[in-house]
C-alpha atoms as a PDB file:
ATOM      1  CA  UNK A   1     175.104 154.373  78.415  1.00  0.00           C
ATOM      2  CA  UNK A   2     174.058 150.760  78.781  1.00  0.00           C
ATOM      3  CA  UNK A   3     173.825 147.819  81.164  1.00  0.00           C
ATOM      4  CA  UNK A   4     177.111 145.938  80.754  1.00  0.00           C
ATOM      5  CA  UNK A   5     176.351 142.481  82.150  1.00  0.00           C
ATOM      6  CA  UNK A   6     173.707 140.237  83.671  1.00  0.00           C
ATOM      7  CA  UNK A   7     170.001 139.822  82.980  1.00  0.00           C
ATOM      8  CA  UNK A   8     169.594 143.240  81.331  1.00  0.00           C
ATOM      9  CA  UNK A   9     172.915 143.123  79.446  1.00  0.00           C
ATOM     10  CA  UNK A  10     173.014 145.462  76.460  1.00  0.00           C
ATOM     11  CA  UNK A  11     169.964 147.513  77.470  1.00  0.00           C
ATOM     12  CA  UNK A  12     170.517 151.145  76.506  1.00  0.00           C
ATOM     13  CA  UNK A  13     169.591 153.502  79.298  1.00  0.00           C
ATOM     14  CA  UNK A  14     168.056 156.945  79.223  1.00  0.00           C
ATOM     15  CA  UNK A  15     170.368 159.686  80.477  1.00  0.00           C
ATOM     16  CA  UNK A  16     169.857 163.109  81.940  1.00  0.00           C
ATOM     17  CA  UNK A  17     170.338 166.048  79.612  1.00  0.00           C
ATOM     18  CA  UNK A  18     172.505 169.002  80.573  1.00  0.00           C
ATOM     19  CA  UNK A  19     175.515 169.561  82.764  1.00  0.00           C
ATOM     20  CA  UNK A  20     173.905 168.927  86.155  1.00  0.00           C
ATOM     21  CA  UNK A  21     174.937 165.265  86.187  1.00  0.00           C
ATOM     22  CA  UNK A  22     178.041 163.381  85.135  1.00  0.00           C
ATOM     23  CA  UNK A  23     177.315 159.780  84.155  1.00  0.00           C
ATOM     24  CA  UNK A  24     179.854 157.194  85.268  1.00  0.00           C
ATOM     25  CA  UNK A  25     181.746 156.093  82.165  1.00  0.00           C
ATOM     26  CA  UNK A  26     181.117 152.523  81.017  1.00  0.00           C
ATOM     27  CA  UNK A  27     184.794 151.607  81.494  1.00  0.00           C
ATOM     28  CA  UNK A  28     184.722 152.880  85.096  1.00  0.00           C
ATOM     29  CA  UNK A  29     181.434 151.058  85.724  1.00  0.00           C
ATOM     30  CA  UNK A  30     182.793 147.847  84.213  1.00  0.00           C
ATOM     31  CA  UNK A  31     185.963 148.039  86.339  1.00  0.00           C
ATOM     32  CA  UNK A  32     183.932 148.818  89.463  1.00  0.00           C
ATOM     33  CA  UNK A  33     181.720 145.776  88.973  1.00  0.00           C
ATOM     34  CA  UNK A  34     184.673 143.536  88.165  1.00  0.00           C
ATOM     35  CA  UNK A  35     186.182 144.517  91.528  1.00  0.00           C
ATOM     36  CA  UNK A  36     182.984 143.932  93.541  1.00  0.00           C
ATOM     37  CA  UNK A  37     181.552 141.040  91.502  1.00  0.00           C
ATOM     38  CA  UNK A  38     181.863 138.504  94.331  1.00  0.00           C
ATOM     39  CA  UNK A  39     179.831 140.767  96.648  1.00  0.00           C
ATOM     40  CA  UNK A  40     176.865 141.489  94.382  1.00  0.00           C
ATOM     41  CA  UNK A  41     174.805 138.273  94.448  1.00  0.00           C
ATOM     42  CA  UNK A  42     171.803 138.712  96.774  1.00  0.00           C
ATOM     43  CA  UNK A  43     173.203 142.005  98.114  1.00  0.00           C
ATOM     44  CA  UNK A  44     171.380 145.167  99.062  1.00  0.00           C
ATOM     45  CA  UNK A  45     172.956 147.968  97.021  1.00  0.00           C
ATOM     46  CA  UNK A  46     172.530 151.647  97.953  1.00  0.00           C
ATOM     47  CA  UNK A  47     173.243 154.362  95.378  1.00  0.00           C
ATOM     48  CA  UNK A  48     173.018 157.713  97.145  1.00  0.00           C
ATOM     49  CA  UNK A  49     173.347 160.121  94.203  1.00  0.00           C
ATOM     50  CA  UNK A  50     171.719 157.901  91.620  1.00  0.00           C
ATOM     51  CA  UNK A  51     171.378 160.225  88.609  1.00  0.00           C
ATOM     52  CA  UNK A  52     170.041 157.956  85.841  1.00  0.00           C
ATOM     53  CA  UNK A  53     170.097 154.900  88.130  1.00  0.00           C
ATOM     54  CA  UNK A  54     172.682 153.145  85.939  1.00  0.00           C
ATOM     55  CA  UNK A  55     174.915 151.930  88.789  1.00  0.00           C
ATOM     56  CA  UNK A  56     172.091 150.483  90.891  1.00  0.00           C
ATOM     57  CA  UNK A  57     170.436 148.920  87.847  1.00  0.00           C
ATOM     58  CA  UNK A  58     173.761 147.329  86.855  1.00  0.00           C
ATOM     59  CA  UNK A  59     173.920 145.815  90.358  1.00  0.00           C
ATOM     60  CA  UNK A  60     170.398 144.396  90.004  1.00  0.00           C
ATOM     61  CA  UNK A  61     171.177 143.075  86.520  1.00  0.00           C
ATOM     62  CA  UNK A  62     174.179 141.258  88.018  1.00  0.00           C
ATOM     63  CA  UNK A  63     172.169 139.622  90.798  1.00  0.00           C
ATOM     64  CA  UNK A  64     171.712 142.101  93.640  1.00  0.00           C
ATOM     65  CA  UNK A  65     168.569 141.322  95.634  1.00  0.00           C
ATOM     66  CA  UNK A  66     167.661 145.006  95.792  1.00  0.00           C
ATOM     67  CA  UNK A  67     168.922 148.435  94.785  1.00  0.00           C
ATOM     68  CA  UNK A  68     167.962 151.519  96.759  1.00  0.00           C
ATOM     69  CA  UNK A  69     168.294 154.607  94.567  1.00  0.00           C
ATOM     70  CA  UNK A  70     168.254 158.115  95.978  1.00  0.00           C
ATOM     71  CA  UNK A  71     168.341 161.430  94.145  1.00  0.00           C
ATOM     72  CA  UNK A  72     166.829 164.801  94.995  1.00  0.00           C
ATOM     73  CA  UNK A  73     166.205 165.839  91.367  1.00  0.00           C
ATOM     74  CA  UNK A  74     162.743 165.324  89.900  1.00  0.00           C
ATOM     75  CA  UNK A  75     164.301 164.976  86.425  1.00  0.00           C
ATOM     76  CA  UNK A  76     166.618 162.243  87.709  1.00  0.00           C
ATOM     77  CA  UNK A  77     163.725 160.377  89.342  1.00  0.00           C
ATOM     78  CA  UNK A  78     161.753 160.433  86.069  1.00  0.00           C
ATOM     79  CA  UNK A  79     164.760 159.034  84.147  1.00  0.00           C
ATOM     80  CA  UNK A  80     165.321 156.380  86.843  1.00  0.00           C
ATOM     81  CA  UNK A  81     161.699 155.266  86.557  1.00  0.00           C
ATOM     82  CA  UNK A  82     162.021 154.951  82.766  1.00  0.00           C
ATOM     83  CA  UNK A  83     165.252 152.967  83.149  1.00  0.00           C
ATOM     84  CA  UNK A  84     163.727 150.656  85.757  1.00  0.00           C
ATOM     85  CA  UNK A  85     160.880 149.915  83.370  1.00  0.00           C
ATOM     86  CA  UNK A  86     163.263 149.403  80.439  1.00  0.00           C
ATOM     87  CA  UNK A  87     165.352 146.890  82.443  1.00  0.00           C
ATOM     88  CA  UNK A  88     162.260 145.176  83.961  1.00  0.00           C
ATOM     89  CA  UNK A  89     163.637 145.706  87.483  1.00  0.00           C
ATOM     90  CA  UNK A  90     160.482 147.070  89.134  1.00  0.00           C
ATOM     91  CA  UNK A  91     160.412 144.367  91.806  1.00  0.00           C
ATOM     92  CA  UNK A  92     164.035 144.906  92.854  1.00  0.00           C
ATOM     93  CA  UNK A  93     164.391 148.690  93.063  1.00  0.00           C
ATOM     94  CA  UNK A  94     163.269 151.252  95.635  1.00  0.00           C
ATOM     95  CA  UNK A  95     163.432 154.924  94.603  1.00  0.00           C
ATOM     96  CA  UNK A  96     163.636 157.864  96.988  1.00  0.00           C
ATOM     97  CA  UNK A  97     163.318 161.477  95.847  1.00  0.00           C
ATOM     98  CA  UNK A  98     164.977 163.224  98.758  1.00  0.00           C
ATOM     99  CA  UNK A  99     168.242 164.579 100.047  1.00  0.00           C
ATOM    100  CA  UNK A 100     170.791 161.834 100.733  1.00  0.00           C
ATOM    101  CA  UNK A 101     171.098 162.747 104.433  1.00  0.00           C
ATOM    102  CA  UNK A 102     167.337 162.373 105.000  1.00  0.00           C
ATOM    103  CA  UNK A 103     167.418 158.928 103.422  1.00  0.00           C
ATOM    104  CA  UNK A 104     170.442 157.859 105.482  1.00  0.00           C
ATOM    105  CA  UNK A 105     168.801 159.046 108.699  1.00  0.00           C
ATOM    106  CA  UNK A 106     165.531 157.245 107.933  1.00  0.00           C
ATOM    107  CA  UNK A 107     166.832 153.995 106.392  1.00  0.00           C
ATOM    108  CA  UNK A 108     166.091 150.999 108.609  1.00  0.00           C
ATOM    109  CA  UNK A 109     167.697 148.363 106.413  1.00  0.00           C
ATOM    110  CA  UNK A 110     171.303 147.212 106.566  1.00  0.00           C
ATOM    111  CA  UNK A 111     173.080 147.372 103.213  1.00  0.00           C
ATOM    112  CA  UNK A 112     175.985 145.473 101.682  1.00  0.00           C
ATOM    113  CA  UNK A 113     177.360 147.996  99.188  1.00  0.00           C
ATOM    114  CA  UNK A 114     177.058 151.788  99.198  1.00  0.00           C
ATOM    115  CA  UNK A 115     177.962 153.781  96.085  1.00  0.00           C
ATOM    116  CA  UNK A 116     178.533 157.501  96.600  1.00  0.00           C
ATOM    117  CA  UNK A 117     178.971 159.641  93.480  1.00  0.00           C
ATOM    118  CA  UNK A 118     177.978 163.232  94.285  1.00  0.00           C
ATOM    119  CA  UNK A 119     179.087 166.323  92.346  1.00  0.00           C
ATOM    120  CA  UNK A 120     182.888 166.201  92.355  1.00  0.00           C
ATOM    121  CA  UNK A 121     183.455 169.699  93.765  1.00  0.00           C
ATOM    122  CA  UNK A 122     181.329 169.129  96.864  1.00  0.00           C
ATOM    123  CA  UNK A 123     181.927 167.787 100.363  1.00  0.00           C
ATOM    124  CA  UNK A 124     178.872 165.538 100.060  1.00  0.00           C
ATOM    125  CA  UNK A 125     180.865 162.286  99.854  1.00  0.00           C
ATOM    126  CA  UNK A 126     182.673 162.780 103.151  1.00  0.00           C
ATOM    127  CA  UNK A 127     179.517 164.158 104.797  1.00  0.00           C
ATOM    128  CA  UNK A 128     177.614 161.067 103.633  1.00  0.00           C
ATOM    129  CA  UNK A 129     180.283 158.736 105.068  1.00  0.00           C
ATOM    130  CA  UNK A 130     180.066 160.503 108.440  1.00  0.00           C
ATOM    131  CA  UNK A 131     176.263 160.124 108.539  1.00  0.00           C
ATOM    132  CA  UNK A 132     176.536 156.467 107.459  1.00  0.00           C
ATOM    133  CA  UNK A 133     178.984 155.718 110.281  1.00  0.00           C
ATOM    134  CA  UNK A 134     176.702 157.377 112.845  1.00  0.00           C
ATOM    135  CA  UNK A 135     173.705 155.332 111.694  1.00  0.00           C
ATOM    136  CA  UNK A 136     172.859 151.658 111.833  1.00  0.00           C
ATOM    137  CA  UNK A 137     172.845 150.574 108.183  1.00  0.00           C
ATOM    138  CA  UNK A 138     176.251 148.871 107.951  1.00  0.00           C
ATOM    139  CA  UNK A 139     176.898 145.171 108.158  1.00  0.00           C
ATOM    140  CA  UNK A 140     180.391 144.121 109.296  1.00  0.00           C
ATOM    141  CA  UNK A 141     181.406 143.461 105.672  1.00  0.00           C
ATOM    142  CA  UNK A 142     179.705 146.482 104.036  1.00  0.00           C
ATOM    143  CA  UNK A 143     181.856 148.359 101.555  1.00  0.00           C
ATOM    144  CA  UNK A 144     181.457 152.013 100.668  1.00  0.00           C
ATOM    145  CA  UNK A 145     182.693 153.285  97.311  1.00  0.00           C
ATOM    146  CA  UNK A 146     183.259 156.946  96.507  1.00  0.00           C
ATOM    147  CA  UNK A 147     183.666 158.175  92.937  1.00  0.00           C
ATOM    148  CA  UNK A 148     185.611 161.441  92.798  1.00  0.00           C
ATOM    149  CA  UNK A 149     188.287 163.346  90.947  1.00  0.00           C
ATOM    150  CA  UNK A 150     189.725 164.717  94.185  1.00  0.00           C
ATOM    151  CA  UNK A 151     190.986 161.692  96.114  1.00  0.00           C
ATOM    152  CA  UNK A 152     193.416 163.708  98.240  1.00  0.00           C
ATOM    153  CA  UNK A 153     190.745 166.144  99.413  1.00  0.00           C
ATOM    154  CA  UNK A 154     188.266 163.341 100.175  1.00  0.00           C
ATOM    155  CA  UNK A 155     190.830 161.345 102.157  1.00  0.00           C
ATOM    156  CA  UNK A 156     191.814 164.492 104.070  1.00  0.00           C
ATOM    157  CA  UNK A 157     188.153 165.135 104.935  1.00  0.00           C
ATOM    158  CA  UNK A 158     187.875 161.533 106.159  1.00  0.00           C
ATOM    159  CA  UNK A 159     191.157 161.501 108.095  1.00  0.00           C
ATOM    160  CA  UNK A 160     189.395 161.915 111.458  1.00  0.00           C
ATOM    161  CA  UNK A 161     186.723 159.321 110.675  1.00  0.00           C
ATOM    162  CA  UNK A 162     186.829 155.619 111.549  1.00  0.00           C
ATOM    163  CA  UNK A 163     187.183 154.223 108.005  1.00  0.00           C
ATOM    164  CA  UNK A 164     189.771 152.048 106.352  1.00  0.00           C
ATOM    165  CA  UNK A 165     190.740 152.483 102.700  1.00  0.00           C
ATOM    166  CA  UNK A 166     190.773 148.971 101.234  1.00  0.00           C
ATOM    167  CA  UNK A 167     191.396 149.841  97.580  1.00  0.00           C
ATOM    168  CA  UNK A 168     191.867 152.807  95.250  1.00  0.00           C
ATOM    169  CA  UNK A 169     191.619 152.913  91.458  1.00  0.00           C
ATOM    170  CA  UNK A 170     192.109 155.672  88.906  1.00  0.00           C
ATOM    171  CA  UNK A 171     190.480 155.801  85.464  1.00  0.00           C
ATOM    172  CA  UNK A 172     191.436 159.041  83.749  1.00  0.00           C
ATOM    173  CA  UNK A 173     189.798 161.801  85.773  1.00  0.00           C
ATOM    174  CA  UNK A 174     187.607 159.425  87.794  1.00  0.00           C
ATOM    175  CA  UNK A 175     188.941 157.825  90.959  1.00  0.00           C
ATOM    176  CA  UNK A 176     187.248 155.120  93.020  1.00  0.00           C
ATOM    177  CA  UNK A 177     187.951 154.868  96.737  1.00  0.00           C
ATOM    178  CA  UNK A 178     186.809 151.658  98.458  1.00  0.00           C
ATOM    179  CA  UNK A 179     186.216 151.967 102.194  1.00  0.00           C
ATOM    180  CA  UNK A 180     184.935 149.947 105.114  1.00  0.00           C
ATOM    181  CA  UNK A 181     184.260 150.861 108.688  1.00  0.00           C
ATOM    182  CA  UNK A 182     187.544 150.855 110.625  1.00  0.00           C
END
């Protein structure tokens, strides 16, 4: 896994060992950033289930003002710290070792882009969207992106929520759903 573009282009990142995490494939990451490229400059990027931190660090490499990375795993936090150091992004990244819902309830800053990539077989993505909509962290143009392999289930879980699907993409097993507040 590596940083694809920007200031840290080509930097190989540390990854988490084992089956607890599922890194976003480089081709999915590259497509994601091609889609949102015009929104990244000077943005505040929130990655709720950060894993190795690769998505947030890609955003910073491409010009995001700040990435907020959240994961509840101590192993993930240690890998994120190593990757931040390797990409020289210390001044642009905030790390939180906590449950995503605690971060969402305590965050005081409005964000531009929210990336949500929890374990695929969980309801965490739709639960996160509900908490986000109840809070005060969205700007009018904020986009939320869910990575899943169960688009139908996610959209069903969100059917009663005030969100609008603005784009959907499929890359093998991985599917990206782009949302904004309805």
